[in-house]
Full PDB file with SEQRES, HELIX, SHEET, SSBOND, CRYST1, ORIGX, SCALE, CONECT and MASTER records, all heavy atoms in Angstrom:
SEQRES   1 A   37  ARG ARG GLY ARG GLY SER ALA VAL ARG ALA ARG GLN ARG          
SEQRES   2 A   37  ASP GLU ILE TRP GLN ALA VAL GLU THR PHE GLY ASP GLU          
SEQRES   3 A   37  LEU ARG SER ALA ARG LYS THR THR HIS LEU GLN                  
HELIX    1 AA1 ALA A   10  SER A   29  1                                  20    
CRYST1    1.000    1.000    1.000  90.00  90.00  90.00 P 1           1          
ORIGX1      1.000000  0.000000  0.000000        0.00000                         
ORIGX2      0.000000  1.000000  0.000000        0.00000                         
ORIGX3      0.000000  0.000000  1.000000        0.00000                         
SCALE1      1.000000  0.000000  0.000000        0.00000                         
SCALE2      0.000000  1.000000  0.000000        0.00000                         
SCALE3      0.000000  0.000000  1.000000        0.00000                         
ATOM      1  N   ARG A   1      25.038  19.759   9.928  1.00  0.00           N  
ATOM      2  CA  ARG A   1      24.041  18.688  10.023  1.00  0.00           C  
ATOM      3  C   ARG A   1      23.011  19.049  11.096  1.00  0.00           C  
ATOM      4  O   ARG A   1      22.684  18.250  11.956  1.00  0.00           O  
ATOM      5  CB  ARG A   1      24.724  17.361  10.321  1.00  0.00           C  
ATOM      6  CG  ARG A   1      25.708  16.930   9.233  1.00  0.00           C  
ATOM      7  CD  ARG A   1      26.455  15.670   9.598  1.00  0.00           C  
ATOM      8  NE  ARG A   1      25.596  14.512   9.770  1.00  0.00           N  
ATOM      9  CZ  ARG A   1      25.268  13.995  10.938  1.00  0.00           C  
ATOM     10  NH1 ARG A   1      25.711  14.559  12.077  1.00  0.00           N  
ATOM     11  NH2 ARG A   1      24.496  12.939  11.018  1.00  0.00           N  
ATOM     12  N   ARG A   2      22.487  20.278  11.015  1.00  0.00           N  
ATOM     13  CA  ARG A   2      21.521  20.747  12.008  1.00  0.00           C  
ATOM     14  C   ARG A   2      20.282  19.847  11.995  1.00  0.00           C  
ATOM     15  O   ARG A   2      19.734  19.539  10.935  1.00  0.00           O  
ATOM     16  CB  ARG A   2      21.129  22.195  11.721  1.00  0.00           C  
ATOM     17  CG  ARG A   2      20.282  22.838  12.809  1.00  0.00           C  
ATOM     18  CD  ARG A   2      20.032  24.301  12.521  1.00  0.00           C  
ATOM     19  NE  ARG A   2      21.267  25.080  12.613  1.00  0.00           N  
ATOM     20  CZ  ARG A   2      21.863  25.640  11.599  1.00  0.00           C  
ATOM     21  NH1 ARG A   2      21.362  25.494  10.381  1.00  0.00           N  
ATOM     22  NH2 ARG A   2      22.967  26.341  11.755  1.00  0.00           N  
ATOM     23  N   GLY A   3      19.833  19.439  13.179  1.00  0.00           N  
ATOM     24  CA  GLY A   3      18.674  18.565  13.282  1.00  0.00           C  
ATOM     25  C   GLY A   3      19.030  17.095  13.348  1.00  0.00           C  
ATOM     26  O   GLY A   3      18.160  16.246  13.585  1.00  0.00           O  
ATOM     27  N   ARG A   4      20.313  16.764  13.142  1.00  0.00           N  
ATOM     28  CA  ARG A   4      20.770  15.373  13.251  1.00  0.00           C  
ATOM     29  C   ARG A   4      21.433  15.203  14.600  1.00  0.00           C  
ATOM     30  O   ARG A   4      22.321  15.984  14.975  1.00  0.00           O  
ATOM     31  CB  ARG A   4      21.759  15.042  12.126  1.00  0.00           C  
ATOM     32  CG  ARG A   4      21.214  15.279  10.731  1.00  0.00           C  
ATOM     33  CD  ARG A   4      20.148  14.268  10.364  1.00  0.00           C  
ATOM     34  NE  ARG A   4      20.727  12.970  10.042  1.00  0.00           N  
ATOM     35  CZ  ARG A   4      20.071  11.816  10.145  1.00  0.00           C  
ATOM     36  NH1 ARG A   4      18.838  11.791  10.605  1.00  0.00           N  
ATOM     37  NH2 ARG A   4      20.652  10.678   9.811  1.00  0.00           N  
ATOM     38  N   GLY A   5      21.003  14.203  15.347  1.00  0.00           N  
ATOM     39  CA  GLY A   5      21.458  14.078  16.729  1.00  0.00           C  
ATOM     40  C   GLY A   5      22.689  13.230  16.935  1.00  0.00           C  
ATOM     41  O   GLY A   5      23.185  13.131  18.060  1.00  0.00           O  
ATOM     42  N   SER A   6      23.211  12.606  15.889  1.00  0.00           N  
ATOM     43  CA  SER A   6      24.406  11.770  16.035  1.00  0.00           C  
ATOM     44  C   SER A   6      25.553  12.405  15.256  1.00  0.00           C  
ATOM     45  O   SER A   6      25.426  12.658  14.058  1.00  0.00           O  
ATOM     46  CB  SER A   6      24.131  10.347  15.520  1.00  0.00           C  
ATOM     47  OG  SER A   6      23.665  10.401  14.197  1.00  0.00           O  
ATOM     48  N   ALA A   7      26.635  12.673  15.936  1.00  0.00           N  
ATOM     49  CA  ALA A   7      27.791  13.310  15.288  1.00  0.00           C  
ATOM     50  C   ALA A   7      28.523  12.302  14.407  1.00  0.00           C  
ATOM     51  O   ALA A   7      28.589  11.117  14.713  1.00  0.00           O  
ATOM     52  CB  ALA A   7      28.737  13.864  16.348  1.00  0.00           C  
ATOM     53  N   VAL A   8      29.063  12.795  13.288  1.00  0.00           N  
ATOM     54  CA  VAL A   8      29.902  11.949  12.433  1.00  0.00           C  
ATOM     55  C   VAL A   8      31.198  12.697  12.147  1.00  0.00           C  
ATOM     56  O   VAL A   8      31.185  13.876  11.796  1.00  0.00           O  
ATOM     57  CB  VAL A   8      29.186  11.580  11.107  1.00  0.00           C  
ATOM     58  CG1 VAL A   8      28.040  10.640  11.366  1.00  0.00           C  
ATOM     59  CG2 VAL A   8      28.688  12.812  10.375  1.00  0.00           C  
ATOM     60  N   ARG A   9      32.311  12.007  12.316  1.00  0.00           N  
ATOM     61  CA  ARG A   9      33.617  12.617  12.099  1.00  0.00           C  
ATOM     62  C   ARG A   9      33.956  12.643  10.608  1.00  0.00           C  
ATOM     63  O   ARG A   9      33.226  12.095   9.793  1.00  0.00           O  
ATOM     64  CB  ARG A   9      34.676  11.840  12.887  1.00  0.00           C  
ATOM     65  CG  ARG A   9      34.473  11.920  14.405  1.00  0.00           C  
ATOM     66  CD  ARG A   9      35.582  11.181  15.146  1.00  0.00           C  
ATOM     67  NE  ARG A   9      35.537   9.744  14.877  1.00  0.00           N  
ATOM     68  CZ  ARG A   9      34.761   8.892  15.553  1.00  0.00           C  
ATOM     69  NH1 ARG A   9      33.955   9.359  16.510  1.00  0.00           N  
ATOM     70  NH2 ARG A   9      34.771   7.608  15.273  1.00  0.00           N  
ATOM     71  N   ALA A  10      35.105  13.265  10.285  1.00  0.00           N  
ATOM     72  CA  ALA A  10      35.482  13.461   8.883  1.00  0.00           C  
ATOM     73  C   ALA A  10      35.581  12.133   8.138  1.00  0.00           C  
ATOM     74  O   ALA A  10      35.084  11.992   7.017  1.00  0.00           O  
ATOM     75  CB  ALA A  10      36.791  14.235   8.796  1.00  0.00           C  
ATOM     76  N   ARG A  11      36.263  11.147   8.757  1.00  0.00           N  
ATOM     77  CA  ARG A  11      36.415   9.849   8.085  1.00  0.00           C  
ATOM     78  C   ARG A  11      35.055   9.192   7.878  1.00  0.00           C  
ATOM     79  O   ARG A  11      34.798   8.577   6.833  1.00  0.00           O  
ATOM     80  CB  ARG A  11      37.315   8.938   8.929  1.00  0.00           C  
ATOM     81  CG  ARG A  11      37.557   7.562   8.296  1.00  0.00           C  
ATOM     82  CD  ARG A  11      38.423   6.695   9.201  1.00  0.00           C  
ATOM     83  NE  ARG A  11      37.832   6.516  10.511  1.00  0.00           N  
ATOM     84  CZ  ARG A  11      36.834   5.653  10.774  1.00  0.00           C  
ATOM     85  NH1 ARG A  11      36.310   4.918   9.792  1.00  0.00           N  
ATOM     86  NH2 ARG A  11      36.359   5.527  11.987  1.00  0.00           N  
ATOM     87  N   GLN A  12      34.152   9.356   8.858  1.00  0.00           N  
ATOM     88  CA  GLN A  12      32.823   8.765   8.728  1.00  0.00           C  
ATOM     89  C   GLN A  12      32.015   9.461   7.629  1.00  0.00           C  
ATOM     90  O   GLN A  12      31.239   8.817   6.919  1.00  0.00           O  
ATOM     91  CB  GLN A  12      32.090   8.861  10.067  1.00  0.00           C  
ATOM     92  CG  GLN A  12      32.703   7.975  11.154  1.00  0.00           C  
ATOM     93  CD  GLN A  12      32.055   8.210  12.504  1.00  0.00           C  
ATOM     94  OE1 GLN A  12      31.845   9.357  12.912  1.00  0.00           O  
ATOM     95  NE2 GLN A  12      31.729   7.126  13.200  1.00  0.00           N  
ATOM     96  N   ARG A  13      32.248  10.751   7.471  1.00  0.00           N  
ATOM     97  CA  ARG A  13      31.543  11.460   6.403  1.00  0.00           C  
ATOM     98  C   ARG A  13      31.972  10.912   5.032  1.00  0.00           C  
ATOM     99  O   ARG A  13      31.158  10.810   4.115  1.00  0.00           O  
ATOM    100  CB  ARG A  13      31.817  12.959   6.474  1.00  0.00           C  
ATOM    101  CG  ARG A  13      31.157  13.643   7.665  1.00  0.00           C  
ATOM    102  CD  ARG A  13      31.034  15.138   7.454  1.00  0.00           C  
ATOM    103  NE  ARG A  13      30.501  15.806   8.634  1.00  0.00           N  
ATOM    104  CZ  ARG A  13      29.859  16.965   8.626  1.00  0.00           C  
ATOM    105  NH1 ARG A  13      29.695  17.619   7.478  1.00  0.00           N  
ATOM    106  NH2 ARG A  13      29.410  17.513   9.733  1.00  0.00           N  
ATOM    107  N   ASP A  14      33.249  10.580   4.918  1.00  0.00           N  
ATOM    108  CA  ASP A  14      33.714  10.001   3.654  1.00  0.00           C  
ATOM    109  C   ASP A  14      33.019   8.667   3.390  1.00  0.00           C  
ATOM    110  O   ASP A  14      32.651   8.356   2.244  1.00  0.00           O  
ATOM    111  CB  ASP A  14      35.228   9.809   3.683  1.00  0.00           C  
ATOM    112  CG  ASP A  14      35.978  11.137   3.585  1.00  0.00           C  
ATOM    113  OD1 ASP A  14      35.355  12.141   3.166  1.00  0.00           O  
ATOM    114  OD2 ASP A  14      37.174  11.171   3.932  1.00  0.00           O  
ATOM    115  N   GLU A  15      32.852   7.865   4.444  1.00  0.00           N  
ATOM    116  CA  GLU A  15      32.168   6.577   4.284  1.00  0.00           C  
ATOM    117  C   GLU A  15      30.707   6.773   3.890  1.00  0.00           C  
ATOM    118  O   GLU A  15      30.170   6.057   3.028  1.00  0.00           O  
ATOM    119  CB  GLU A  15      32.250   5.782   5.585  1.00  0.00           C  
ATOM    120  CG  GLU A  15      33.655   5.304   5.938  1.00  0.00           C  
ATOM    121  CD  GLU A  15      33.683   4.534   7.236  1.00  0.00           C  
ATOM    122  OE1 GLU A  15      33.236   5.076   8.273  1.00  0.00           O  
ATOM    123  OE2 GLU A  15      34.136   3.367   7.215  1.00  0.00           O  
ATOM    124  N   ILE A  16      30.054   7.755   4.515  1.00  0.00           N  
ATOM    125  CA  ILE A  16      28.650   8.020   4.190  1.00  0.00           C  
ATOM    126  C   ILE A  16      28.530   8.530   2.760  1.00  0.00           C  
ATOM    127  O   ILE A  16      27.612   8.139   2.028  1.00  0.00           O  
ATOM    128  CB  ILE A  16      28.043   9.032   5.195  1.00  0.00           C  
ATOM    129  CG1 ILE A  16      27.969   8.408   6.594  1.00  0.00           C  
ATOM    130  CG2 ILE A  16      26.658   9.490   4.739  1.00  0.00           C  
ATOM    131  CD1 ILE A  16      27.571   9.378   7.687  1.00  0.00           C  
ATOM    132  N   TRP A  17      29.493   9.383   2.356  1.00  0.00           N  
ATOM    133  CA  TRP A  17      29.424   9.887   0.991  1.00  0.00           C  
ATOM    134  C   TRP A  17      29.632   8.767  -0.028  1.00  0.00           C  
ATOM    135  O   TRP A  17      29.005   8.772  -1.096  1.00  0.00           O  
ATOM    136  CB  TRP A  17      30.437  10.999   0.758  1.00  0.00           C  
ATOM    137  CG  TRP A  17      30.232  11.630  -0.585  1.00  0.00           C  
ATOM    138  CD1 TRP A  17      30.992  11.477  -1.700  1.00  0.00           C  
ATOM    139  CD2 TRP A  17      29.136  12.473  -0.962  1.00  0.00           C  
ATOM    140  NE1 TRP A  17      30.455  12.171  -2.759  1.00  0.00           N  
ATOM    141  CE2 TRP A  17      29.311  12.805  -2.329  1.00  0.00           C  
ATOM    142  CE3 TRP A  17      28.042  12.988  -0.275  1.00  0.00           C  
ATOM    143  CZ2 TRP A  17      28.418  13.610  -3.022  1.00  0.00           C  
ATOM    144  CZ3 TRP A  17      27.149  13.797  -0.960  1.00  0.00           C  
ATOM    145  CH2 TRP A  17      27.341  14.103  -2.313  1.00  0.00           C  
ATOM    146  N   GLN A  18      30.465   7.820   0.309  1.00  0.00           N  
ATOM    147  CA  GLN A  18      30.635   6.666  -0.576  1.00  0.00           C  
ATOM    148  C   GLN A  18      29.310   5.913  -0.717  1.00  0.00           C  
ATOM    149  O   GLN A  18      28.960   5.451  -1.807  1.00  0.00           O  
ATOM    150  CB  GLN A  18      31.717   5.730  -0.032  1.00  0.00           C  
ATOM    151  CG  GLN A  18      32.023   4.562  -0.967  1.00  0.00           C  
ATOM    152  CD  GLN A  18      33.100   3.633  -0.415  1.00  0.00           C  
ATOM    153  OE1 GLN A  18      33.609   3.847   0.688  1.00  0.00           O  
ATOM    154  NE2 GLN A  18      33.439   2.613  -1.178  1.00  0.00           N  
ATOM    155  N   ALA A  19      28.566   5.830   0.398  1.00  0.00           N  
ATOM    156  CA  ALA A  19      27.257   5.182   0.349  1.00  0.00           C  
ATOM    157  C   ALA A  19      26.297   5.972  -0.547  1.00  0.00           C  
ATOM    158  O   ALA A  19      25.526   5.391  -1.321  1.00  0.00           O  
ATOM    159  CB  ALA A  19      26.686   5.054   1.753  1.00  0.00           C  
ATOM    160  N   VAL A  20      26.352   7.309  -0.455  1.00  0.00           N  
ATOM    161  CA  VAL A  20      25.495   8.151  -1.294  1.00  0.00           C  
ATOM    162  C   VAL A  20      25.824   7.936  -2.773  1.00  0.00           C  
ATOM    163  O   VAL A  20      24.922   7.814  -3.613  1.00  0.00           O  
ATOM    164  CB  VAL A  20      25.667   9.640  -0.910  1.00  0.00           C  
ATOM    165  CG1 VAL A  20      24.992  10.549  -1.932  1.00  0.00           C  
ATOM    166  CG2 VAL A  20      25.112   9.901   0.489  1.00  0.00           C  
ATOM    167  N   GLU A  21      27.105   7.872  -3.086  1.00  0.00           N  
ATOM    168  CA  GLU A  21      27.492   7.668  -4.482  1.00  0.00           C  
ATOM    169  C   GLU A  21      27.078   6.280  -4.967  1.00  0.00           C  
ATOM    170  O   GLU A  21      26.637   6.114  -6.109  1.00  0.00           O  
ATOM    171  CB  GLU A  21      28.999   7.850  -4.633  1.00  0.00           C  
ATOM    172  CG  GLU A  21      29.449   9.308  -4.463  1.00  0.00           C  
ATOM    173  CD  GLU A  21      30.942   9.484  -4.662  1.00  0.00           C  
ATOM    174  OE1 GLU A  21      31.692   8.516  -4.365  1.00  0.00           O  
ATOM    175  OE2 GLU A  21      31.365  10.566  -5.128  1.00  0.00           O  
ATOM    176  N   THR A  22      27.223   5.273  -4.109  1.00  0.00           N  
ATOM    177  CA  THR A  22      26.821   3.912  -4.477  1.00  0.00           C  
ATOM    178  C   THR A  22      25.319   3.846  -4.708  1.00  0.00           C  
ATOM    179  O   THR A  22      24.840   3.196  -5.652  1.00  0.00           O  
ATOM    180  CB  THR A  22      27.231   2.917  -3.375  1.00  0.00           C  
ATOM    181  OG1 THR A  22      28.643   3.012  -3.145  1.00  0.00           O  
ATOM    182  CG2 THR A  22      26.874   1.495  -3.763  1.00  0.00           C  
ATOM    183  N   PHE A  23      24.567   4.511  -3.851  1.00  0.00           N  
ATOM    184  CA  PHE A  23      23.110   4.589  -4.000  1.00  0.00           C  
ATOM    185  C   PHE A  23      22.758   5.225  -5.349  1.00  0.00           C  
ATOM    186  O   PHE A  23      21.913   4.719  -6.095  1.00  0.00           O  
ATOM    187  CB  PHE A  23      22.528   5.404  -2.840  1.00  0.00           C  
ATOM    188  CG  PHE A  23      21.047   5.653  -2.922  1.00  0.00           C  
ATOM    189  CD1 PHE A  23      20.140   4.690  -2.507  1.00  0.00           C  
ATOM    190  CD2 PHE A  23      20.552   6.862  -3.411  1.00  0.00           C  
ATOM    191  CE1 PHE A  23      18.766   4.924  -2.583  1.00  0.00           C  
ATOM    192  CE2 PHE A  23      19.184   7.107  -3.483  1.00  0.00           C  
ATOM    193  CZ  PHE A  23      18.294   6.128  -3.064  1.00  0.00           C  
ATOM    194  N   GLY A  24      23.434   6.323  -5.689  1.00  0.00           N  
ATOM    195  CA  GLY A  24      23.184   6.990  -6.957  1.00  0.00           C  
ATOM    196  C   GLY A  24      23.546   6.132  -8.150  1.00  0.00           C  
ATOM    197  O   GLY A  24      22.836   6.122  -9.167  1.00  0.00           O  
ATOM    198  N   ASP A  25      24.663   5.395  -8.044  1.00  0.00           N  
ATOM    199  CA  ASP A  25      25.080   4.517  -9.143  1.00  0.00           C  
ATOM    200  C   ASP A  25      24.027   3.445  -9.413  1.00  0.00           C  
ATOM    201  O   ASP A  25      23.725   3.137 -10.578  1.00  0.00           O  
ATOM    202  CB  ASP A  25      26.420   3.854  -8.808  1.00  0.00           C  
ATOM    203  CG  ASP A  25      27.580   4.846  -8.818  1.00  0.00           C  
ATOM    204  OD1 ASP A  25      27.418   5.931  -9.411  1.00  0.00           O  
ATOM    205  OD2 ASP A  25      28.625   4.529  -8.218  1.00  0.00           O  
ATOM    206  N   GLU A  26      23.482   2.874  -8.331  1.00  0.00           N  
ATOM    207  CA  GLU A  26      22.480   1.814  -8.507  1.00  0.00           C  
ATOM    208  C   GLU A  26      21.217   2.371  -9.171  1.00  0.00           C  
ATOM    209  O   GLU A  26      20.619   1.707 -10.028  1.00  0.00           O  
ATOM    210  CB  GLU A  26      22.149   1.169  -7.159  1.00  0.00           C  
ATOM    211  CG  GLU A  26      21.168   0.019  -7.294  1.00  0.00           C  
ATOM    212  CD  GLU A  26      21.159  -0.925  -6.109  1.00  0.00           C  
ATOM    213  OE1 GLU A  26      22.163  -0.985  -5.373  1.00  0.00           O  
ATOM    214  OE2 GLU A  26      20.143  -1.610  -5.927  1.00  0.00           O  
ATOM    215  N   LEU A  27      20.814   3.570  -8.779  1.00  0.00           N  
ATOM    216  CA  LEU A  27      19.641   4.185  -9.405  1.00  0.00           C  
ATOM    217  C   LEU A  27      19.888   4.434 -10.891  1.00  0.00           C  
ATOM    218  O   LEU A  27      19.031   4.138 -11.734  1.00  0.00           O  
ATOM    219  CB  LEU A  27      19.294   5.505  -8.712  1.00  0.00           C  
ATOM    220  CG  LEU A  27      18.631   5.432  -7.332  1.00  0.00           C  
ATOM    221  CD1 LEU A  27      18.415   6.841  -6.785  1.00  0.00           C  
ATOM    222  CD2 LEU A  27      17.293   4.700  -7.403  1.00  0.00           C  
ATOM    223  N   ARG A  28      21.058   4.966 -11.219  1.00  0.00           N  
ATOM    224  CA  ARG A  28      21.349   5.273 -12.618  1.00  0.00           C  
ATOM    225  C   ARG A  28      21.413   4.013 -13.473  1.00  0.00           C  
ATOM    226  O   ARG A  28      20.960   4.017 -14.622  1.00  0.00           O  
ATOM    227  CB  ARG A  28      22.664   6.052 -12.723  1.00  0.00           C  
ATOM    228  CG  ARG A  28      22.517   7.535 -12.374  1.00  0.00           C  
ATOM    229  CD  ARG A  28      23.801   8.303 -12.652  1.00  0.00           C  
ATOM    230  NE  ARG A  28      24.872   7.921 -11.737  1.00  0.00           N  
ATOM    231  CZ  ARG A  28      25.060   8.455 -10.535  1.00  0.00           C  
ATOM    232  NH1 ARG A  28      24.240   9.410 -10.113  1.00  0.00           N  
ATOM    233  NH2 ARG A  28      26.050   8.063  -9.762  1.00  0.00           N  
ATOM    234  N   SER A  29      21.981   2.957 -12.920  1.00  0.00           N  
ATOM    235  CA  SER A  29      22.082   1.722 -13.696  1.00  0.00           C  
ATOM    236  C   SER A  29      20.700   1.139 -13.991  1.00  0.00           C  
ATOM    237  O   SER A  29      20.502   0.477 -15.015  1.00  0.00           O  
ATOM    238  CB  SER A  29      22.939   0.692 -12.951  1.00  0.00           C  
ATOM    239  OG  SER A  29      22.301   0.293 -11.749  1.00  0.00           O  
ATOM    240  N   ALA A  30      19.749   1.405 -13.095  1.00  0.00           N  
ATOM    241  CA  ALA A  30      18.376   0.920 -13.297  1.00  0.00           C  
ATOM    242  C   ALA A  30      17.506   1.961 -13.990  1.00  0.00           C  
ATOM    243  O   ALA A  30      16.316   1.725 -14.212  1.00  0.00           O  
ATOM    244  CB  ALA A  30      17.764   0.538 -11.950  1.00  0.00           C  
ATOM    245  N   ARG A  31      18.133   3.115 -14.336  1.00  0.00           N  
ATOM    246  CA  ARG A  31      17.410   4.231 -14.939  1.00  0.00           C  
ATOM    247  C   ARG A  31      16.227   4.658 -14.061  1.00  0.00           C  
ATOM    248  O   ARG A  31      15.119   4.895 -14.543  1.00  0.00           O  
ATOM    249  CB  ARG A  31      16.942   3.884 -16.348  1.00  0.00           C  
ATOM    250  CG  ARG A  31      18.103   3.649 -17.306  1.00  0.00           C  
ATOM    251  CD  ARG A  31      17.626   3.466 -18.728  1.00  0.00           C  
ATOM    252  NE  ARG A  31      18.758   3.310 -19.643  1.00  0.00           N  
ATOM    253  CZ  ARG A  31      18.650   3.142 -20.949  1.00  0.00           C  
ATOM    254  NH1 ARG A  31      17.434   3.111 -21.516  1.00  0.00           N  
ATOM    255  NH2 ARG A  31      19.726   3.017 -21.707  1.00  0.00           N  
ATOM    256  N   LYS A  32      16.489   4.732 -12.772  1.00  0.00           N  
ATOM    257  CA  LYS A  32      15.485   5.131 -11.784  1.00  0.00           C  
ATOM    258  C   LYS A  32      15.950   6.394 -11.073  1.00  0.00           C  
ATOM    259  O   LYS A  32      17.095   6.842 -11.231  1.00  0.00           O  
ATOM    260  CB  LYS A  32      15.260   4.019 -10.753  1.00  0.00           C  
ATOM    261  CG  LYS A  32      14.754   2.704 -11.330  1.00  0.00           C  
ATOM    262  CD  LYS A  32      13.286   2.801 -11.691  1.00  0.00           C  
ATOM    263  CE  LYS A  32      12.741   1.443 -12.126  1.00  0.00           C  
ATOM    264  NZ  LYS A  32      11.285   1.509 -12.429  1.00  0.00           N  
ATOM    265  N   THR A  33      15.079   6.956 -10.267  1.00  0.00           N  
ATOM    266  CA  THR A  33      15.409   8.136  -9.473  1.00  0.00           C  
ATOM    267  C   THR A  33      14.466   8.191  -8.285  1.00  0.00           C  
ATOM    268  O   THR A  33      13.604   7.307  -8.124  1.00  0.00           O  
ATOM    269  CB  THR A  33      15.288   9.416 -10.323  1.00  0.00           C  
ATOM    270  OG1 THR A  33      15.731  10.544  -9.562  1.00  0.00           O  
ATOM    271  CG2 THR A  33      13.855   9.666 -10.770  1.00  0.00           C  
ATOM    272  N   THR A  34      14.600   9.199  -7.435  1.00  0.00           N  
ATOM    273  CA  THR A  34      13.645   9.417  -6.348  1.00  0.00           C  
ATOM    274  C   THR A  34      12.850  10.684  -6.654  1.00  0.00           C  
ATOM    275  O   THR A  34      13.258  11.513  -7.461  1.00  0.00           O  
ATOM    276  CB  THR A  34      14.346   9.575  -4.988  1.00  0.00           C  
ATOM    277  OG1 THR A  34      15.074  10.830  -4.977  1.00  0.00           O  
ATOM    278  CG2 THR A  34      15.293   8.423  -4.719  1.00  0.00           C  
ATOM    279  N   HIS A  35      11.719  10.835  -5.970  1.00  0.00           N  
ATOM    280  CA  HIS A  35      10.887  12.019  -6.190  1.00  0.00           C  
ATOM    281  C   HIS A  35      11.655  13.301  -5.866  1.00  0.00           C  
ATOM    282  O   HIS A  35      11.548  14.299  -6.595  1.00  0.00           O  
ATOM    283  CB  HIS A  35       9.626  11.932  -5.335  1.00  0.00           C  
ATOM    284  CG  HIS A  35       8.623  10.957  -5.846  1.00  0.00           C  
ATOM    285  ND1 HIS A  35       7.876  11.177  -6.985  1.00  0.00           N  
ATOM    286  CD2 HIS A  35       8.234   9.736  -5.360  1.00  0.00           C  
ATOM    287  CE1 HIS A  35       7.071  10.142  -7.182  1.00  0.00           C  
ATOM    288  NE2 HIS A  35       7.264   9.260  -6.222  1.00  0.00           N  
ATOM    289  N   LEU A  36      12.442  13.271  -4.799  1.00  0.00           N  
ATOM    290  CA  LEU A  36      13.165  14.477  -4.419  1.00  0.00           C  
ATOM    291  C   LEU A  36      14.300  14.779  -5.386  1.00  0.00           C  
ATOM    292  O   LEU A  36      14.645  15.948  -5.613  1.00  0.00           O  
ATOM    293  CB  LEU A  36      13.694  14.345  -2.989  1.00  0.00           C  
ATOM    294  CG  LEU A  36      12.611  14.324  -1.899  1.00  0.00           C  
ATOM    295  CD1 LEU A  36      13.245  14.192  -0.516  1.00  0.00           C  
ATOM    296  CD2 LEU A  36      11.741  15.581  -1.962  1.00  0.00           C  
ATOM    297  N   GLN A  37      14.883  13.747  -5.966  1.00  0.00           N  
ATOM    298  CA  GLN A  37      15.903  13.993  -6.987  1.00  0.00           C  
ATOM    299  C   GLN A  37      15.283  14.596  -8.253  1.00  0.00           C  
ATOM    300  O   GLN A  37      15.906  15.422  -8.921  1.00  0.00           O  
ATOM    301  CB  GLN A  37      16.631  12.691  -7.323  1.00  0.00           C  
ATOM    302  CG  GLN A  37      17.605  12.243  -6.233  1.00  0.00           C  
ATOM    303  CD  GLN A  37      18.239  10.902  -6.551  1.00  0.00           C  
ATOM    304  OE1 GLN A  37      17.538   9.913  -6.798  1.00  0.00           O  
ATOM    305  NE2 GLN A  37      19.570  10.854  -6.548  1.00  0.00           N  
TER     306      GLN A  37                                                      
MASTER        0    0    0    1    0    0    0    6  305    1    0    3          
END                                                                             
């Protein structure tokens, strides 16, 4: 995570990844995406 100033432990990474998956699910259900995706 070079350039990120706040450390996140393994358990926290799992929580963040769950957020990423939830974010993706909401986009797919709305048939939307982001420019970078």
